[in-house]
């Protein structure tokens, strides 16, 4: 069974961070909310929560794909 290497983990983290930031930014812009009016702590918490969820799902999905290829 192959292992997930550090390069794949960092790539998943980068993709998840960009995705989380893009999702939050898109929702804020879609509803016409100005960033100056938003609570910075709340936005940071939402981005970090989405980042963790996306990162975990990417790692699980890639682990399952690697185990099927063996």
C-alpha atoms as a PDB file:
ATOM      1  CA  UNK A   1       0.000   0.000   0.000  1.00  0.00           C
ATOM      2  CA  UNK A   2       1.347   3.388  -0.983  1.00  0.00           C
ATOM      3  CA  UNK A   3       1.524   6.182   1.549  1.00  0.00           C
ATOM      4  CA  UNK A   4       0.440   9.776   1.096  1.00  0.00           C
ATOM      5  CA  UNK A   5       3.622  11.843   0.735  1.00  0.00           C
ATOM      6  CA  UNK A   6       4.273  15.310   2.120  1.00  0.00           C
ATOM      7  CA  UNK A   7       3.970  16.940  -1.304  1.00  0.00           C
ATOM      8  CA  UNK A   8       0.397  15.681  -1.697  1.00  0.00           C
ATOM      9  CA  UNK A   9      -0.517  16.845   1.807  1.00  0.00           C
ATOM     10  CA  UNK A  10       0.814  20.357   1.163  1.00  0.00           C
ATOM     11  CA  UNK A  11      -0.899  20.497  -2.222  1.00  0.00           C
ATOM     12  CA  UNK A  12      -4.215  19.501  -0.627  1.00  0.00           C
ATOM     13  CA  UNK A  13      -3.728  22.184   2.030  1.00  0.00           C
ATOM     14  CA  UNK A  14      -3.025  24.849  -0.598  1.00  0.00           C
ATOM     15  CA  UNK A  15      -6.035  23.875  -2.714  1.00  0.00           C
ATOM     16  CA  UNK A  16      -8.266  23.805   0.373  1.00  0.00           C
ATOM     17  CA  UNK A  17      -7.064  27.239   1.529  1.00  0.00           C
ATOM     18  CA  UNK A  18      -7.681  28.800  -1.873  1.00  0.00           C
ATOM     19  CA  UNK A  19     -11.086  27.126  -2.101  1.00  0.00           C
ATOM     20  CA  UNK A  20     -12.173  28.217   1.373  1.00  0.00           C
ATOM     21  CA  UNK A  21     -11.087  31.806   0.800  1.00  0.00           C
ATOM     22  CA  UNK A  22     -12.809  31.838  -2.593  1.00  0.00           C
ATOM     23  CA  UNK A  23     -16.060  30.424  -1.216  1.00  0.00           C
ATOM     24  CA  UNK A  24     -16.266  32.965   1.605  1.00  0.00           C
ATOM     25  CA  UNK A  25     -15.282  35.851  -0.661  1.00  0.00           C
ATOM     26  CA  UNK A  26     -17.831  34.768  -3.267  1.00  0.00           C
ATOM     27  CA  UNK A  27     -20.662  34.576  -0.739  1.00  0.00           C
ATOM     28  CA  UNK A  28     -19.778  37.964   0.753  1.00  0.00           C
ATOM     29  CA  UNK A  29     -19.651  39.584  -2.688  1.00  0.00           C
ATOM     30  CA  UNK A  30     -22.808  37.788  -3.859  1.00  0.00           C
ATOM     31  CA  UNK A  31     -24.834  39.278  -1.019  1.00  0.00           C
ATOM     32  CA  UNK A  32     -23.264  42.719  -1.469  1.00  0.00           C
ATOM     33  CA  UNK A  33     -21.758  42.856   2.010  1.00  0.00           C
ATOM     34  CA  UNK A  34     -18.771  45.139   2.448  1.00  0.00           C
ATOM     35  CA  UNK A  35     -15.724  43.622   4.119  1.00  0.00           C
ATOM     36  CA  UNK A  36     -15.413  46.647   6.437  1.00  0.00           C
ATOM     37  CA  UNK A  37     -18.822  45.813   7.942  1.00  0.00           C
ATOM     38  CA  UNK A  38     -18.011  42.128   8.530  1.00  0.00           C
ATOM     39  CA  UNK A  39     -16.739  40.726  11.788  1.00  0.00           C
ATOM     40  CA  UNK A  40     -13.109  39.759  11.123  1.00  0.00           C
ATOM     41  CA  UNK A  41     -13.094  37.040  13.774  1.00  0.00           C
ATOM     42  CA  UNK A  42     -16.231  35.436  12.359  1.00  0.00           C
ATOM     43  CA  UNK A  43     -14.903  35.503   8.786  1.00  0.00           C
ATOM     44  CA  UNK A  44     -11.585  34.035   9.907  1.00  0.00           C
ATOM     45  CA  UNK A  45     -13.372  31.268  11.781  1.00  0.00           C
ATOM     46  CA  UNK A  46     -15.541  30.436   8.779  1.00  0.00           C
ATOM     47  CA  UNK A  47     -12.529  30.346   6.443  1.00  0.00           C
ATOM     48  CA  UNK A  48     -10.546  28.141   8.840  1.00  0.00           C
ATOM     49  CA  UNK A  49     -13.498  25.801   9.335  1.00  0.00           C
ATOM     50  CA  UNK A  50     -14.068  25.427   5.602  1.00  0.00           C
ATOM     51  CA  UNK A  51     -10.323  24.988   5.083  1.00  0.00           C
ATOM     52  CA  UNK A  52     -10.253  22.109   7.552  1.00  0.00           C
ATOM     53  CA  UNK A  53     -13.293  20.426   6.042  1.00  0.00           C
ATOM     54  CA  UNK A  54     -11.980  20.740   2.487  1.00  0.00           C
ATOM     55  CA  UNK A  55      -8.473  19.627   3.473  1.00  0.00           C
ATOM     56  CA  UNK A  56      -9.742  16.584   5.307  1.00  0.00           C
ATOM     57  CA  UNK A  57     -12.036  15.558   2.469  1.00  0.00           C
ATOM     58  CA  UNK A  58      -9.233  15.955  -0.093  1.00  0.00           C
ATOM     59  CA  UNK A  59      -6.864  13.840   1.994  1.00  0.00           C
ATOM     60  CA  UNK A  60      -9.450  11.115   2.520  1.00  0.00           C
ATOM     61  CA  UNK A  61     -10.362  11.072  -1.158  1.00  0.00           C
ATOM     62  CA  UNK A  62      -6.722  10.888  -2.279  1.00  0.00           C
ATOM     63  CA  UNK A  63      -5.945   8.182   0.269  1.00  0.00           C
ATOM     64  CA  UNK A  64      -8.829   6.091  -1.020  1.00  0.00           C
ATOM     65  CA  UNK A  65      -7.722   6.618  -4.632  1.00  0.00           C
ATOM     66  CA  UNK A  66      -4.143   5.598  -3.807  1.00  0.00           C
ATOM     67  CA  UNK A  67      -5.248   2.450  -1.986  1.00  0.00           C
ATOM     68  CA  UNK A  68      -7.411   1.420  -4.991  1.00  0.00           C
ATOM     69  CA  UNK A  69      -4.450   1.810  -7.386  1.00  0.00           C
ATOM     70  CA  UNK A  70      -2.320  -0.724  -5.495  1.00  0.00           C
END
